[in-house]
């Protein structure tokens, strides 16, 4: 008789504390980072949000970065660039 071996692909949940930075009082003069996840229209959505933040809230710039894929965290290069070049980050999805 053949033997069937079953693997359980689930893992135990792991809790991780998240520390948020304080929000700015205003976006006036701030540089905005936009991080999109490669899904359909996520870039268009974020570019529109960036334009609104500049036009209506006084942000000075909006820079767009693209993640390697929707199912992975932001890679270190984007994080490093954002730390050096923007004041606020907006992450968005498409579909």
PDB file of N, CA and C in Angstrom:
ATOM      1  N   UNK A   1       0.841  -1.169   0.000  1.00  0.00           N
ATOM      2  CA  UNK A   1       0.000   0.000   0.000  1.00  0.00           C
ATOM      3  C   UNK A   1       0.895   1.244   0.000  1.00  0.00           C
ATOM      4  N   UNK A   2       0.527   2.244  -0.833  1.00  0.00           N
ATOM      5  CA  UNK A   2       1.267   3.497  -0.884  1.00  0.00           C
ATOM      6  C   UNK A   2       0.985   4.317   0.365  1.00  0.00           C
ATOM      7  N   UNK A   3       1.981   5.031   0.763  1.00  0.00           N
ATOM      8  CA  UNK A   3       1.842   5.890   1.934  1.00  0.00           C
ATOM      9  C   UNK A   3       1.706   7.342   1.467  1.00  0.00           C
ATOM     10  N   UNK A   4       0.768   8.070   2.051  1.00  0.00           N
ATOM     11  CA  UNK A   4       0.567   9.480   1.722  1.00  0.00           C
ATOM     12  C   UNK A   4       1.109  10.308   2.870  1.00  0.00           C
ATOM     13  N   UNK A   5       1.948  11.261   2.512  1.00  0.00           N
ATOM     14  CA  UNK A   5       2.497  12.171   3.514  1.00  0.00           C
ATOM     15  C   UNK A   5       1.883  13.553   3.284  1.00  0.00           C
ATOM     16  N   UNK A   6       1.335  14.141   4.331  1.00  0.00           N
ATOM     17  CA  UNK A   6       0.664  15.437   4.234  1.00  0.00           C
ATOM     18  C   UNK A   6       1.507  16.481   4.957  1.00  0.00           C
ATOM     19  N   UNK A   7       1.737  17.594   4.287  1.00  0.00           N
ATOM     20  CA  UNK A   7       2.480  18.701   4.874  1.00  0.00           C
ATOM     21  C   UNK A   7       1.517  19.830   5.202  1.00  0.00           C
ATOM     22  N   UNK A   8       1.706  20.442   6.347  1.00  0.00           N
ATOM     23  CA  UNK A   8       0.888  21.579   6.745  1.00  0.00           C
ATOM     24  C   UNK A   8       1.646  22.861   6.399  1.00  0.00           C
ATOM     25  N   UNK A   9       1.155  23.641   5.419  1.00  0.00           N
ATOM     26  CA  UNK A   9       1.892  24.829   4.975  1.00  0.00           C
ATOM     27  C   UNK A   9       1.695  26.060   5.868  1.00  0.00           C
ATOM     28  N   UNK A  10       0.873  25.941   6.882  1.00  0.00           N
ATOM     29  CA  UNK A  10       0.611  27.105   7.730  1.00  0.00           C
ATOM     30  C   UNK A  10       1.715  27.264   8.768  1.00  0.00           C
ATOM     31  N   UNK A  11       1.843  28.472   9.232  1.00  0.00           N
ATOM     32  CA  UNK A  11       2.801  28.746  10.303  1.00  0.00           C
ATOM     33  C   UNK A  11       2.059  29.460  11.421  1.00  0.00           C
ATOM     34  N   UNK A  12       2.689  29.523  12.543  1.00  0.00           N
ATOM     35  CA  UNK A  12       2.071  30.203  13.670  1.00  0.00           C
ATOM     36  C   UNK A  12       2.178  31.705  13.467  1.00  0.00           C
ATOM     37  N   UNK A  13       1.140  32.432  13.893  1.00  0.00           N
ATOM     38  CA  UNK A  13       1.157  33.885  13.795  1.00  0.00           C
ATOM     39  C   UNK A  13       2.229  34.438  14.722  1.00  0.00           C
ATOM     40  N   UNK A  14       2.861  35.466  14.259  1.00  0.00           N
ATOM     41  CA  UNK A  14       3.897  36.114  15.051  1.00  0.00           C
ATOM     42  C   UNK A  14       3.521  37.579  15.205  1.00  0.00           C
ATOM     43  N   UNK A  15       3.443  38.031  16.431  1.00  0.00           N
ATOM     44  CA  UNK A  15       3.108  39.432  16.679  1.00  0.00           C
ATOM     45  C   UNK A  15       4.381  40.257  16.656  1.00  0.00           C
ATOM     46  N   UNK A  16       4.264  41.421  16.031  1.00  0.00           N
ATOM     47  CA  UNK A  16       5.401  42.318  15.956  1.00  0.00           C
ATOM     48  C   UNK A  16       4.905  43.740  16.224  1.00  0.00           C
ATOM     49  N   UNK A  17       5.551  44.395  17.139  1.00  0.00           N
ATOM     50  CA  UNK A  17       5.145  45.764  17.475  1.00  0.00           C
ATOM     51  C   UNK A  17       5.509  46.698  16.320  1.00  0.00           C
ATOM     52  N   UNK A  18       4.609  47.607  16.010  1.00  0.00           N
ATOM     53  CA  UNK A  18       4.846  48.590  14.964  1.00  0.00           C
ATOM     54  C   UNK A  18       4.903  49.960  15.617  1.00  0.00           C
ATOM     55  N   UNK A  19       5.957  50.688  15.319  1.00  0.00           N
ATOM     56  CA  UNK A  19       6.089  52.038  15.855  1.00  0.00           C
ATOM     57  C   UNK A  19       5.833  53.030  14.729  1.00  0.00           C
ATOM     58  N   UNK A  20       4.843  53.859  14.902  1.00  0.00           N
ATOM     59  CA  UNK A  20       4.526  54.865  13.910  1.00  0.00           C
ATOM     60  C   UNK A  20       5.240  56.167  14.252  1.00  0.00           C
ATOM     61  N   UNK A  21       5.667  56.872  13.240  1.00  0.00           N
ATOM     62  CA  UNK A  21       6.250  58.193  13.458  1.00  0.00           C
ATOM     63  C   UNK A  21       5.108  59.200  13.544  1.00  0.00           C
ATOM     64  N   UNK A  22       5.343  60.312  14.190  1.00  0.00           N
ATOM     65  CA  UNK A  22       4.285  61.319  14.280  1.00  0.00           C
ATOM     66  C   UNK A  22       3.932  61.878  12.892  1.00  0.00           C
ATOM     67  N   UNK A  23       2.656  62.147  12.685  1.00  0.00           N
ATOM     68  CA  UNK A  23       2.224  62.750  11.422  1.00  0.00           C
ATOM     69  C   UNK A  23       2.565  64.238  11.437  1.00  0.00           C
ATOM     70  N   UNK A  24       2.914  64.777  10.285  1.00  0.00           N
ATOM     71  CA  UNK A  24       3.170  66.221  10.245  1.00  0.00           C
ATOM     72  C   UNK A  24       1.861  66.998  10.409  1.00  0.00           C
ATOM     73  N   UNK A  25       1.968  68.190  10.941  1.00  0.00           N
ATOM     74  CA  UNK A  25       0.787  69.047  11.088  1.00  0.00           C
ATOM     75  C   UNK A  25       0.246  69.490   9.737  1.00  0.00           C
ATOM     76  N   UNK A  26       1.136  69.574   8.750  1.00  0.00           N
ATOM     77  CA  UNK A  26       0.762  70.060   7.425  1.00  0.00           C
ATOM     78  C   UNK A  26       1.646  69.386   6.382  1.00  0.00           C
ATOM     79  N   UNK A  27       1.180  69.330   5.154  1.00  0.00           N
ATOM     80  CA  UNK A  27       1.998  68.822   4.050  1.00  0.00           C
ATOM     81  C   UNK A  27       2.672  69.952   3.276  1.00  0.00           C
ATOM     82  N   UNK A  28       2.424  71.166   3.661  1.00  0.00           N
ATOM     83  CA  UNK A  28       3.001  72.320   2.981  1.00  0.00           C
ATOM     84  C   UNK A  28       4.526  72.236   3.022  1.00  0.00           C
ATOM     85  N   UNK A  29       5.128  72.261   1.846  1.00  0.00           N
ATOM     86  CA  UNK A  29       6.579  72.196   1.736  1.00  0.00           C
ATOM     87  C   UNK A  29       7.169  70.801   1.898  1.00  0.00           C
ATOM     88  N   UNK A  30       6.352  69.801   2.091  1.00  0.00           N
ATOM     89  CA  UNK A  30       6.838  68.426   2.289  1.00  0.00           C
ATOM     90  C   UNK A  30       7.032  67.709   0.956  1.00  0.00           C
ATOM     91  N   UNK A  31       7.982  66.804   0.953  1.00  0.00           N
ATOM     92  CA  UNK A  31       8.227  65.942  -0.204  1.00  0.00           C
ATOM     93  C   UNK A  31       7.521  64.614   0.057  1.00  0.00           C
ATOM     94  N   UNK A  32       6.728  64.177  -0.910  1.00  0.00           N
ATOM     95  CA  UNK A  32       5.905  62.981  -0.749  1.00  0.00           C
ATOM     96  C   UNK A  32       6.538  61.811  -1.497  1.00  0.00           C
ATOM     97  N   UNK A  33       6.644  60.677  -0.840  1.00  0.00           N
ATOM     98  CA  UNK A  33       7.064  59.433  -1.483  1.00  0.00           C
ATOM     99  C   UNK A  33       5.838  58.584  -1.748  1.00  0.00           C
ATOM    100  N   UNK A  34       5.759  58.046  -2.943  1.00  0.00           N
ATOM    101  CA  UNK A  34       4.632  57.196  -3.335  1.00  0.00           C
ATOM    102  C   UNK A  34       5.187  55.812  -3.655  1.00  0.00           C
ATOM    103  N   UNK A  35       4.686  54.794  -2.985  1.00  0.00           N
ATOM    104  CA  UNK A  35       5.172  53.430  -3.214  1.00  0.00           C
ATOM    105  C   UNK A  35       4.025  52.594  -3.741  1.00  0.00           C
ATOM    106  N   UNK A  36       4.188  52.115  -4.974  1.00  0.00           N
ATOM    107  CA  UNK A  36       3.126  51.302  -5.580  1.00  0.00           C
ATOM    108  C   UNK A  36       3.556  49.849  -5.646  1.00  0.00           C
ATOM    109  N   UNK A  37       2.563  48.975  -5.717  1.00  0.00           N
ATOM    110  CA  UNK A  37       2.828  47.545  -5.554  1.00  0.00           C
ATOM    111  C   UNK A  37       2.794  46.737  -6.851  1.00  0.00           C
ATOM    112  N   UNK A  38       2.837  47.365  -7.985  1.00  0.00           N
ATOM    113  CA  UNK A  38       2.867  46.722  -9.312  1.00  0.00           C
ATOM    114  C   UNK A  38       1.509  46.244  -9.803  1.00  0.00           C
ATOM    115  N   UNK A  39       0.462  46.389  -9.016  1.00  0.00           N
ATOM    116  CA  UNK A  39      -0.853  45.959  -9.487  1.00  0.00           C
ATOM    117  C   UNK A  39      -1.408  46.980 -10.473  1.00  0.00           C
ATOM    118  N   UNK A  40      -2.321  46.530 -11.299  1.00  0.00           N
ATOM    119  CA  UNK A  40      -2.904  47.351 -12.351  1.00  0.00           C
ATOM    120  C   UNK A  40      -3.454  48.661 -11.779  1.00  0.00           C
ATOM    121  N   UNK A  41      -3.045  49.757 -12.356  1.00  0.00           N
ATOM    122  CA  UNK A  41      -3.485  51.111 -12.021  1.00  0.00           C
ATOM    123  C   UNK A  41      -2.971  51.661 -10.698  1.00  0.00           C
ATOM    124  N   UNK A  42      -2.171  50.923  -9.948  1.00  0.00           N
ATOM    125  CA  UNK A  42      -1.677  51.478  -8.684  1.00  0.00           C
ATOM    126  C   UNK A  42      -0.792  52.687  -8.929  1.00  0.00           C
ATOM    127  N   UNK A  43      -0.014  52.679 -10.014  1.00  0.00           N
ATOM    128  CA  UNK A  43       0.823  53.833 -10.311  1.00  0.00           C
ATOM    129  C   UNK A  43      -0.021  55.048 -10.664  1.00  0.00           C
ATOM    130  N   UNK A  44      -1.056  54.860 -11.462  1.00  0.00           N
ATOM    131  CA  UNK A  44      -1.936  55.975 -11.843  1.00  0.00           C
ATOM    132  C   UNK A  44      -2.649  56.561 -10.626  1.00  0.00           C
ATOM    133  N   UNK A  45      -3.129  55.693  -9.757  1.00  0.00           N
ATOM    134  CA  UNK A  45      -3.805  56.138  -8.541  1.00  0.00           C
ATOM    135  C   UNK A  45      -2.864  56.977  -7.682  1.00  0.00           C
ATOM    136  N   UNK A  46      -1.664  56.483  -7.462  1.00  0.00           N
ATOM    137  CA  UNK A  46      -0.736  57.197  -6.596  1.00  0.00           C
ATOM    138  C   UNK A  46      -0.255  58.500  -7.219  1.00  0.00           C
ATOM    139  N   UNK A  47      -0.042  58.526  -8.524  1.00  0.00           N
ATOM    140  CA  UNK A  47       0.358  59.770  -9.168  1.00  0.00           C
ATOM    141  C   UNK A  47      -0.749  60.821  -9.036  1.00  0.00           C
ATOM    142  N   UNK A  48      -1.997  60.393  -9.128  1.00  0.00           N
ATOM    143  CA  UNK A  48      -3.123  61.308  -8.934  1.00  0.00           C
ATOM    144  C   UNK A  48      -3.147  61.812  -7.492  1.00  0.00           C
ATOM    145  N   UNK A  49      -2.925  60.927  -6.544  1.00  0.00           N
ATOM    146  CA  UNK A  49      -2.871  61.330  -5.135  1.00  0.00           C
ATOM    147  C   UNK A  49      -1.732  62.324  -4.925  1.00  0.00           C
ATOM    148  N   UNK A  50      -0.571  62.051  -5.526  1.00  0.00           N
ATOM    149  CA  UNK A  50       0.564  62.970  -5.421  1.00  0.00           C
ATOM    150  C   UNK A  50       0.226  64.341  -5.966  1.00  0.00           C
ATOM    151  N   UNK A  51      -0.456  64.384  -7.110  1.00  0.00           N
ATOM    152  CA  UNK A  51      -0.853  65.670  -7.706  1.00  0.00           C
ATOM    153  C   UNK A  51      -1.811  66.427  -6.794  1.00  0.00           C
ATOM    154  N   UNK A  52      -2.747  65.722  -6.197  1.00  0.00           N
ATOM    155  CA  UNK A  52      -3.696  66.365  -5.270  1.00  0.00           C
ATOM    156  C   UNK A  52      -2.961  66.907  -4.046  1.00  0.00           C
ATOM    157  N   UNK A  53      -2.024  66.136  -3.519  1.00  0.00           N
ATOM    158  CA  UNK A  53      -1.280  66.586  -2.335  1.00  0.00           C
ATOM    159  C   UNK A  53      -0.446  67.824  -2.643  1.00  0.00           C
ATOM    160  N   UNK A  54       0.055  67.926  -3.864  1.00  0.00           N
ATOM    161  CA  UNK A  54       0.806  69.118  -4.266  1.00  0.00           C
ATOM    162  C   UNK A  54      -0.128  70.309  -4.492  1.00  0.00           C
ATOM    163  N   UNK A  55      -1.184  70.088  -5.263  1.00  0.00           N
ATOM    164  CA  UNK A  55      -2.082  71.184  -5.641  1.00  0.00           C
ATOM    165  C   UNK A  55      -2.916  71.708  -4.474  1.00  0.00           C
ATOM    166  N   UNK A  56      -3.438  70.810  -3.666  1.00  0.00           N
ATOM    167  CA  UNK A  56      -4.384  71.218  -2.631  1.00  0.00           C
ATOM    168  C   UNK A  56      -3.791  71.333  -1.226  1.00  0.00           C
ATOM    169  N   UNK A  57      -2.646  70.686  -1.005  1.00  0.00           N
ATOM    170  CA  UNK A  57      -2.086  70.677   0.347  1.00  0.00           C
ATOM    171  C   UNK A  57      -0.682  71.261   0.426  1.00  0.00           C
ATOM    172  N   UNK A  58      -0.137  71.731  -0.694  1.00  0.00           N
ATOM    173  CA  UNK A  58       1.134  72.436  -0.678  1.00  0.00           C
ATOM    174  C   UNK A  58       2.385  71.592  -0.641  1.00  0.00           C
ATOM    175  N   UNK A  59       2.271  70.287  -0.894  1.00  0.00           N
ATOM    176  CA  UNK A  59       3.481  69.462  -0.984  1.00  0.00           C
ATOM    177  C   UNK A  59       4.335  69.966  -2.148  1.00  0.00           C
ATOM    178  N   UNK A  60       5.642  69.838  -2.033  1.00  0.00           N
ATOM    179  CA  UNK A  60       6.522  70.378  -3.070  1.00  0.00           C
ATOM    180  C   UNK A  60       6.861  69.379  -4.153  1.00  0.00           C
ATOM    181  N   UNK A  61       6.836  68.105  -3.840  1.00  0.00           N
ATOM    182  CA  UNK A  61       7.242  67.093  -4.807  1.00  0.00           C
ATOM    183  C   UNK A  61       6.576  65.773  -4.472  1.00  0.00           C
ATOM    184  N   UNK A  62       6.458  64.905  -5.471  1.00  0.00           N
ATOM    185  CA  UNK A  62       5.918  63.560  -5.266  1.00  0.00           C
ATOM    186  C   UNK A  62       6.757  62.596  -6.102  1.00  0.00           C
ATOM    187  N   UNK A  63       7.478  61.718  -5.442  1.00  0.00           N
ATOM    188  CA  UNK A  63       8.349  60.749  -6.103  1.00  0.00           C
ATOM    189  C   UNK A  63       7.721  59.368  -6.026  1.00  0.00           C
ATOM    190  N   UNK A  64       7.735  58.644  -7.139  1.00  0.00           N
ATOM    191  CA  UNK A  64       7.105  57.324  -7.205  1.00  0.00           C
ATOM    192  C   UNK A  64       8.155  56.230  -7.252  1.00  0.00           C
ATOM    193  N   UNK A  65       7.983  55.207  -6.411  1.00  0.00           N
ATOM    194  CA  UNK A  65       8.803  54.009  -6.445  1.00  0.00           C
ATOM    195  C   UNK A  65       7.902  52.814  -6.686  1.00  0.00           C
ATOM    196  N   UNK A  66       8.452  51.770  -7.277  1.00  0.00           N
ATOM    197  CA  UNK A  66       7.701  50.553  -7.555  1.00  0.00           C
ATOM    198  C   UNK A  66       8.333  49.381  -6.806  1.00  0.00           C
ATOM    199  N   UNK A  67       7.494  48.704  -6.013  1.00  0.00           N
ATOM    200  CA  UNK A  67       7.969  47.487  -5.341  1.00  0.00           C
ATOM    201  C   UNK A  67       8.253  46.401  -6.370  1.00  0.00           C
ATOM    202  N   UNK A  68       8.969  45.377  -5.952  1.00  0.00           N
ATOM    203  CA  UNK A  68       9.272  44.260  -6.866  1.00  0.00           C
ATOM    204  C   UNK A  68       8.045  43.412  -7.147  1.00  0.00           C
ATOM    205  N   UNK A  69       7.088  43.446  -6.253  1.00  0.00           N
ATOM    206  CA  UNK A  69       5.866  42.668  -6.437  1.00  0.00           C
ATOM    207  C   UNK A  69       4.883  42.973  -5.328  1.00  0.00           C
ATOM    208  N   UNK A  70       3.628  42.655  -5.586  1.00  0.00           N
ATOM    209  CA  UNK A  70       2.571  42.968  -4.630  1.00  0.00           C
ATOM    210  C   UNK A  70       2.673  42.146  -3.347  1.00  0.00           C
ATOM    211  N   UNK A  71       3.262  40.974  -3.422  1.00  0.00           N
ATOM    212  CA  UNK A  71       3.261  40.079  -2.266  1.00  0.00           C
ATOM    213  C   UNK A  71       4.528  40.170  -1.418  1.00  0.00           C
ATOM    214  N   UNK A  72       5.388  41.133  -1.715  1.00  0.00           N
ATOM    215  CA  UNK A  72       6.634  41.257  -0.952  1.00  0.00           C
ATOM    216  C   UNK A  72       6.709  42.627  -0.286  1.00  0.00           C
ATOM    217  N   UNK A  73       7.445  42.718   0.813  1.00  0.00           N
ATOM    218  CA  UNK A  73       7.616  44.026   1.454  1.00  0.00           C
ATOM    219  C   UNK A  73       8.455  44.953   0.571  1.00  0.00           C
ATOM    220  N   UNK A  74       8.439  46.211   0.916  1.00  0.00           N
ATOM    221  CA  UNK A  74       9.270  47.191   0.207  1.00  0.00           C
ATOM    222  C   UNK A  74      10.736  46.814   0.397  1.00  0.00           C
ATOM    223  N   UNK A  75      11.500  46.843  -0.690  1.00  0.00           N
ATOM    224  CA  UNK A  75      12.906  46.463  -0.567  1.00  0.00           C
ATOM    225  C   UNK A  75      13.732  47.607   0.030  1.00  0.00           C
ATOM    226  N   UNK A  76      14.873  47.238   0.569  1.00  0.00           N
ATOM    227  CA  UNK A  76      15.704  48.162   1.341  1.00  0.00           C
ATOM    228  C   UNK A  76      16.129  49.396   0.550  1.00  0.00           C
ATOM    229  N   UNK A  77      16.344  49.250  -0.751  1.00  0.00           N
ATOM    230  CA  UNK A  77      16.774  50.400  -1.552  1.00  0.00           C
ATOM    231  C   UNK A  77      15.725  51.508  -1.526  1.00  0.00           C
ATOM    232  N   UNK A  78      14.461  51.140  -1.617  1.00  0.00           N
ATOM    233  CA  UNK A  78      13.385  52.133  -1.562  1.00  0.00           C
ATOM    234  C   UNK A  78      13.336  52.777  -0.185  1.00  0.00           C
ATOM    235  N   UNK A  79      13.449  51.974   0.846  1.00  0.00           N
ATOM    236  CA  UNK A  79      13.424  52.513   2.209  1.00  0.00           C
ATOM    237  C   UNK A  79      14.561  53.505   2.403  1.00  0.00           C
ATOM    238  N   UNK A  80      15.758  53.146   1.950  1.00  0.00           N
ATOM    239  CA  UNK A  80      16.910  54.035   2.093  1.00  0.00           C
ATOM    240  C   UNK A  80      16.712  55.336   1.322  1.00  0.00           C
ATOM    241  N   UNK A  81      16.223  55.248   0.097  1.00  0.00           N
ATOM    242  CA  UNK A  81      15.972  56.458  -0.695  1.00  0.00           C
ATOM    243  C   UNK A  81      14.900  57.322  -0.050  1.00  0.00           C
ATOM    244  N   UNK A  82      13.855  56.692   0.461  1.00  0.00           N
ATOM    245  CA  UNK A  82      12.776  57.444   1.098  1.00  0.00           C
ATOM    246  C   UNK A  82      13.284  58.170   2.345  1.00  0.00           C
ATOM    247  N   UNK A  83      14.111  57.517   3.137  1.00  0.00           N
ATOM    248  CA  UNK A  83      14.655  58.149   4.334  1.00  0.00           C
ATOM    249  C   UNK A  83      15.465  59.392   3.986  1.00  0.00           C
ATOM    250  N   UNK A  84      16.177  59.338   2.867  1.00  0.00           N
ATOM    251  CA  UNK A  84      17.017  60.465   2.454  1.00  0.00           C
ATOM    252  C   UNK A  84      16.251  61.542   1.689  1.00  0.00           C
ATOM    253  N   UNK A  85      15.171  61.161   0.993  1.00  0.00           N
ATOM    254  CA  UNK A  85      14.615  62.091   0.048  1.00  0.00           C
ATOM    255  C   UNK A  85      13.188  62.565   0.219  1.00  0.00           C
ATOM    256  N   UNK A  86      12.430  61.996   1.161  1.00  0.00           N
ATOM    257  CA  UNK A  86      11.043  62.431   1.316  1.00  0.00           C
ATOM    258  C   UNK A  86      10.703  62.607   2.794  1.00  0.00           C
ATOM    259  N   UNK A  87       9.613  63.337   3.006  1.00  0.00           N
ATOM    260  CA  UNK A  87       9.163  63.594   4.380  1.00  0.00           C
ATOM    261  C   UNK A  87       7.998  62.701   4.791  1.00  0.00           C
ATOM    262  N   UNK A  88       7.184  62.302   3.796  1.00  0.00           N
ATOM    263  CA  UNK A  88       5.983  61.517   4.040  1.00  0.00           C
ATOM    264  C   UNK A  88       5.882  60.455   2.959  1.00  0.00           C
ATOM    265  N   UNK A  89       5.387  59.266   3.308  1.00  0.00           N
ATOM    266  CA  UNK A  89       5.240  58.187   2.336  1.00  0.00           C
ATOM    267  C   UNK A  89       3.782  57.733   2.288  1.00  0.00           C
ATOM    268  N   UNK A  90       3.307  57.525   1.065  1.00  0.00           N
ATOM    269  CA  UNK A  90       1.981  56.962   0.839  1.00  0.00           C
ATOM    270  C   UNK A  90       2.189  55.660   0.082  1.00  0.00           C
ATOM    271  N   UNK A  91       1.687  54.567   0.617  1.00  0.00           N
ATOM    272  CA  UNK A  91       1.758  53.274  -0.070  1.00  0.00           C
ATOM    273  C   UNK A  91       0.367  52.944  -0.603  1.00  0.00           C
ATOM    274  N   UNK A  92       0.300  52.434  -1.811  1.00  0.00           N
ATOM    275  CA  UNK A  92      -1.006  52.171  -2.384  1.00  0.00           C
ATOM    276  C   UNK A  92      -1.055  50.886  -3.171  1.00  0.00           C
ATOM    277  N   UNK A  93      -2.272  50.463  -3.457  1.00  0.00           N
ATOM    278  CA  UNK A  93      -2.479  49.252  -4.213  1.00  0.00           C
ATOM    279  C   UNK A  93      -3.355  49.549  -5.414  1.00  0.00           C
ATOM    280  N   UNK A  94      -3.396  48.640  -6.315  1.00  0.00           N
ATOM    281  CA  UNK A  94      -4.236  48.799  -7.504  1.00  0.00           C
ATOM    282  C   UNK A  94      -5.302  47.727  -7.551  1.00  0.00           C
ATOM    283  N   UNK A  95      -5.823  47.531  -8.725  1.00  0.00           N
ATOM    284  CA  UNK A  95      -6.898  46.586  -9.031  1.00  0.00           C
ATOM    285  C   UNK A  95      -8.161  47.314  -8.880  1.00  0.00           C
TER     286      UNK A  95
END
